[in-house]
Amino acid sequence: MAGAVTASAAGGGAVPHAGHDLGARGLGRARPFGANWKGETWTYLLWLAVFHVLNHQSYHRGQVTMQLRLLGFEPPQVDFLVAHDMGFRL
């Protein structure tokens, strides 16, 4: 089912997938997330939360890279595929 699109049940658009279970039991399910100091909670599709985490770590990775360069250091190579090619395994 390559190229199929599953519409989200709780808003947030559609999720492209290749036959994976992205419906109500997979990444397409709505999940409540945390409570802040006011007791507010948010509900997002799981795929949106995963995307947010990956995107947000990129932001901080850029901050650290810039700070190291400003201090005169060359940041280390931290790309996962480069680490994999060098023998790192999960």
N, C-alpha and C. Protein backbone atom coordinates (compact mmCIF):
# COMPACT_ATOMS: atom_id res chain seq x y z
N MET A 1 0.83 -1.18 0.00
CA MET A 1 0.00 0.00 0.00
C MET A 1 0.88 1.24 0.00
N ALA A 2 1.95 1.22 -0.77
CA ALA A 2 2.89 2.34 -0.82
C ALA A 2 2.19 3.60 -1.28
N GLY A 3 2.50 4.70 -0.63
CA GLY A 3 1.97 5.99 -0.99
C GLY A 3 0.58 6.28 -0.45
N ALA A 4 0.00 5.35 0.29
CA ALA A 4 -1.33 5.58 0.84
C ALA A 4 -1.26 6.66 1.91
N VAL A 5 -2.37 7.31 2.14
CA VAL A 5 -2.43 8.37 3.14
C VAL A 5 -3.57 8.06 4.10
N THR A 6 -3.26 8.10 5.38
CA THR A 6 -4.27 7.90 6.40
C THR A 6 -4.61 9.24 7.02
N ALA A 7 -5.86 9.62 6.99
CA ALA A 7 -6.27 10.89 7.58
C ALA A 7 -6.24 10.77 9.09
N SER A 8 -5.89 11.84 9.74
CA SER A 8 -5.83 11.81 11.20
C SER A 8 -7.22 11.86 11.80
N ALA A 9 -7.36 11.23 12.94
CA ALA A 9 -8.65 11.21 13.64
C ALA A 9 -8.84 12.45 14.50
N ALA A 10 -7.74 13.10 14.89
CA ALA A 10 -7.83 14.23 15.81
C ALA A 10 -7.27 15.51 15.20
N GLY A 11 -7.35 15.64 13.90
CA GLY A 11 -6.82 16.83 13.24
C GLY A 11 -5.33 16.68 12.99
N GLY A 12 -4.71 17.68 12.41
CA GLY A 12 -3.29 17.64 12.17
C GLY A 12 -2.93 17.13 10.79
N GLY A 13 -3.89 16.96 9.90
CA GLY A 13 -3.59 16.59 8.54
C GLY A 13 -3.50 15.09 8.35
N ALA A 14 -2.90 14.72 7.25
CA ALA A 14 -2.80 13.32 6.88
C ALA A 14 -1.37 12.83 7.07
N VAL A 15 -1.24 11.55 7.29
CA VAL A 15 0.07 10.93 7.51
C VAL A 15 0.38 10.01 6.35
N PRO A 16 1.40 10.32 5.52
CA PRO A 16 1.76 9.39 4.46
C PRO A 16 2.42 8.16 5.06
N HIS A 17 2.16 7.01 4.50
CA HIS A 17 2.80 5.80 5.01
C HIS A 17 2.86 4.74 3.93
N ALA A 18 3.59 3.70 4.19
CA ALA A 18 3.75 2.60 3.25
C ALA A 18 3.27 1.31 3.89
N GLY A 19 2.01 1.25 4.25
CA GLY A 19 1.43 0.04 4.79
C GLY A 19 1.59 -0.14 6.28
N HIS A 20 2.15 0.81 6.99
CA HIS A 20 2.31 0.70 8.44
C HIS A 20 0.99 0.99 9.13
N ASP A 21 0.83 0.50 10.34
CA ASP A 21 -0.39 0.75 11.09
C ASP A 21 -0.33 2.14 11.70
N LEU A 22 -0.86 3.10 10.97
CA LEU A 22 -0.88 4.48 11.47
C LEU A 22 -2.28 4.89 11.89
N GLY A 23 -3.15 3.93 12.02
CA GLY A 23 -4.52 4.22 12.40
C GLY A 23 -4.65 4.42 13.89
N ALA A 24 -5.80 4.07 14.42
CA ALA A 24 -6.12 4.32 15.83
C ALA A 24 -5.18 3.60 16.78
N ARG A 25 -4.52 2.52 16.35
CA ARG A 25 -3.62 1.79 17.24
C ARG A 25 -2.15 2.14 17.02
N GLY A 26 -1.83 2.87 15.97
CA GLY A 26 -0.44 3.18 15.64
C GLY A 26 -0.10 4.64 15.86
N LEU A 27 0.74 5.16 14.97
CA LEU A 27 1.18 6.55 15.10
C LEU A 27 0.06 7.55 14.85
N GLY A 28 -1.07 7.10 14.34
CA GLY A 28 -2.19 7.98 14.10
C GLY A 28 -3.11 8.14 15.29
N ARG A 29 -2.78 7.50 16.39
CA ARG A 29 -3.67 7.62 17.56
C ARG A 29 -3.41 8.93 18.31
N ALA A 30 -4.46 9.45 18.89
CA ALA A 30 -4.35 10.67 19.68
C ALA A 30 -3.90 10.31 21.08
N ARG A 31 -2.95 11.10 21.61
CA ARG A 31 -2.42 10.85 22.95
C ARG A 31 -2.39 12.15 23.74
N PRO A 32 -2.79 12.11 25.01
CA PRO A 32 -2.64 13.30 25.85
C PRO A 32 -1.18 13.44 26.28
N PHE A 33 -0.70 14.67 26.35
CA PHE A 33 0.68 14.90 26.75
C PHE A 33 0.73 15.88 27.90
N GLY A 34 1.47 15.47 28.92
CA GLY A 34 1.84 16.27 30.06
C GLY A 34 0.86 17.29 30.59
N ALA A 35 1.23 17.84 31.67
CA ALA A 35 0.48 18.95 32.26
C ALA A 35 1.51 19.98 32.69
N ASN A 36 1.23 21.23 32.38
CA ASN A 36 2.14 22.28 32.82
C ASN A 36 1.78 22.71 34.24
N TRP A 37 2.39 23.74 34.72
CA TRP A 37 2.16 24.19 36.10
C TRP A 37 0.73 24.68 36.31
N LYS A 38 0.03 24.97 35.21
CA LYS A 38 -1.37 25.39 35.32
C LYS A 38 -2.32 24.19 35.26
N GLY A 39 -1.77 22.99 35.04
CA GLY A 39 -2.61 21.81 34.92
C GLY A 39 -3.17 21.59 33.53
N GLU A 40 -2.72 22.38 32.55
CA GLU A 40 -3.20 22.24 31.17
C GLU A 40 -2.56 21.02 30.53
N THR A 41 -3.35 20.31 29.75
CA THR A 41 -2.82 19.18 28.98
C THR A 41 -3.15 19.40 27.50
N TRP A 42 -2.44 18.71 26.63
CA TRP A 42 -2.64 18.80 25.20
C TRP A 42 -2.77 17.40 24.65
N THR A 43 -3.54 17.27 23.59
CA THR A 43 -3.69 15.98 22.91
C THR A 43 -3.23 16.16 21.47
N TYR A 44 -2.30 15.29 21.07
CA TYR A 44 -1.77 15.32 19.71
C TYR A 44 -1.73 13.91 19.15
N LEU A 45 -1.74 13.83 17.83
CA LEU A 45 -1.49 12.54 17.20
C LEU A 45 -0.05 12.15 17.54
N LEU A 46 0.17 10.87 17.76
CA LEU A 46 1.50 10.41 18.17
C LEU A 46 2.57 10.77 17.14
N TRP A 47 2.25 10.68 15.85
CA TRP A 47 3.25 11.01 14.83
C TRP A 47 3.66 12.48 14.91
N LEU A 48 2.72 13.36 15.29
CA LEU A 48 3.07 14.78 15.43
C LEU A 48 4.03 15.00 16.61
N ALA A 49 3.80 14.28 17.70
CA ALA A 49 4.67 14.40 18.87
C ALA A 49 6.07 13.89 18.55
N VAL A 50 6.17 12.76 17.84
CA VAL A 50 7.48 12.22 17.47
C VAL A 50 8.19 13.20 16.55
N PHE A 51 7.48 13.74 15.57
CA PHE A 51 8.08 14.72 14.67
C PHE A 51 8.58 15.94 15.44
N HIS A 52 7.79 16.41 16.40
CA HIS A 52 8.19 17.55 17.22
C HIS A 52 9.50 17.27 17.97
N VAL A 53 9.60 16.10 18.59
CA VAL A 53 10.81 15.75 19.35
C VAL A 53 12.02 15.75 18.42
N LEU A 54 11.90 15.13 17.26
CA LEU A 54 13.03 15.09 16.33
C LEU A 54 13.39 16.48 15.83
N ASN A 55 12.41 17.28 15.51
CA ASN A 55 12.66 18.63 15.05
C ASN A 55 13.29 19.49 16.15
N HIS A 56 12.79 19.35 17.37
CA HIS A 56 13.29 20.17 18.48
C HIS A 56 14.75 19.82 18.83
N GLN A 57 15.10 18.54 18.74
CA GLN A 57 16.50 18.19 19.02
C GLN A 57 17.42 18.80 17.97
N SER A 58 16.95 18.94 16.75
CA SER A 58 17.76 19.58 15.71
C SER A 58 18.05 21.03 16.07
N TYR A 59 17.07 21.69 16.64
CA TYR A 59 17.24 23.07 17.06
C TYR A 59 18.37 23.18 18.09
N HIS A 60 18.33 22.33 19.10
CA HIS A 60 19.36 22.38 20.14
C HIS A 60 20.72 21.92 19.62
N ARG A 61 20.73 20.98 18.72
CA ARG A 61 21.99 20.54 18.11
C ARG A 61 22.64 21.72 17.39
N GLY A 62 21.84 22.52 16.71
CA GLY A 62 22.37 23.72 16.04
C GLY A 62 22.91 24.73 17.03
N GLN A 63 22.23 24.88 18.16
CA GLN A 63 22.71 25.81 19.19
C GLN A 63 24.08 25.37 19.72
N VAL A 64 24.22 24.10 20.03
CA VAL A 64 25.49 23.59 20.55
C VAL A 64 26.60 23.73 19.51
N THR A 65 26.28 23.43 18.26
CA THR A 65 27.26 23.56 17.18
C THR A 65 27.76 24.99 17.08
N MET A 66 26.84 25.94 17.11
CA MET A 66 27.22 27.35 17.02
C MET A 66 28.08 27.78 18.21
N GLN A 67 27.70 27.37 19.41
CA GLN A 67 28.48 27.75 20.59
C GLN A 67 29.89 27.17 20.53
N LEU A 68 30.04 25.92 20.11
CA LEU A 68 31.37 25.32 19.99
C LEU A 68 32.21 26.09 18.97
N ARG A 69 31.61 26.44 17.84
CA ARG A 69 32.35 27.19 16.81
C ARG A 69 32.75 28.58 17.32
N LEU A 70 31.85 29.24 18.05
CA LEU A 70 32.18 30.56 18.60
C LEU A 70 33.32 30.47 19.61
N LEU A 71 33.45 29.33 20.26
CA LEU A 71 34.55 29.12 21.22
C LEU A 71 35.82 28.61 20.55
N GLY A 72 35.77 28.45 19.23
CA GLY A 72 36.96 28.04 18.49
C GLY A 72 37.13 26.54 18.32
N PHE A 73 36.12 25.78 18.63
CA PHE A 73 36.19 24.32 18.48
C PHE A 73 35.46 23.87 17.23
N GLU A 74 35.89 22.76 16.67
CA GLU A 74 35.16 22.13 15.57
C GLU A 74 34.22 21.11 16.17
N PRO A 75 32.92 21.26 15.97
CA PRO A 75 31.97 20.31 16.56
C PRO A 75 32.21 18.89 16.03
N PRO A 76 31.98 17.90 16.87
CA PRO A 76 32.16 16.52 16.42
C PRO A 76 31.05 16.12 15.44
N GLN A 77 31.31 15.11 14.66
CA GLN A 77 30.32 14.56 13.75
C GLN A 77 29.32 13.75 14.57
N VAL A 78 28.06 14.12 14.53
CA VAL A 78 27.06 13.44 15.35
C VAL A 78 25.90 12.88 14.52
N ASP A 79 26.04 12.85 13.21
CA ASP A 79 24.98 12.29 12.38
C ASP A 79 24.87 10.79 12.60
N PHE A 80 23.64 10.31 12.76
CA PHE A 80 23.41 8.91 13.06
C PHE A 80 23.95 8.00 11.97
N LEU A 81 23.73 8.33 10.70
CA LEU A 81 24.20 7.46 9.63
C LEU A 81 25.72 7.41 9.57
N VAL A 82 26.37 8.52 9.87
CA VAL A 82 27.85 8.51 9.93
C VAL A 82 28.30 7.60 11.06
N ALA A 83 27.66 7.70 12.22
CA ALA A 83 27.99 6.83 13.36
C ALA A 83 27.76 5.38 12.99
N HIS A 84 26.68 5.10 12.31
CA HIS A 84 26.38 3.73 11.88
C HIS A 84 27.49 3.20 10.97
N ASP A 85 27.91 4.04 10.00
CA ASP A 85 28.99 3.64 9.09
C ASP A 85 30.29 3.41 9.83
N MET A 86 30.47 4.06 10.98
CA MET A 86 31.69 3.89 11.77
C MET A 86 31.58 2.72 12.74
N GLY A 87 30.45 1.99 12.72
CA GLY A 87 30.34 0.79 13.53
C GLY A 87 29.40 0.90 14.73
N PHE A 88 28.82 2.07 14.98
CA PHE A 88 27.88 2.20 16.09
C PHE A 88 26.62 1.42 15.78
N ARG A 89 26.16 0.65 16.76
CA ARG A 89 24.92 -0.12 16.59
C ARG A 89 24.03 0.11 17.81
N LEU A 90 22.74 0.13 17.58
CA LEU A 90 21.77 0.28 18.67
C LEU A 90 21.64 -1.03 19.42
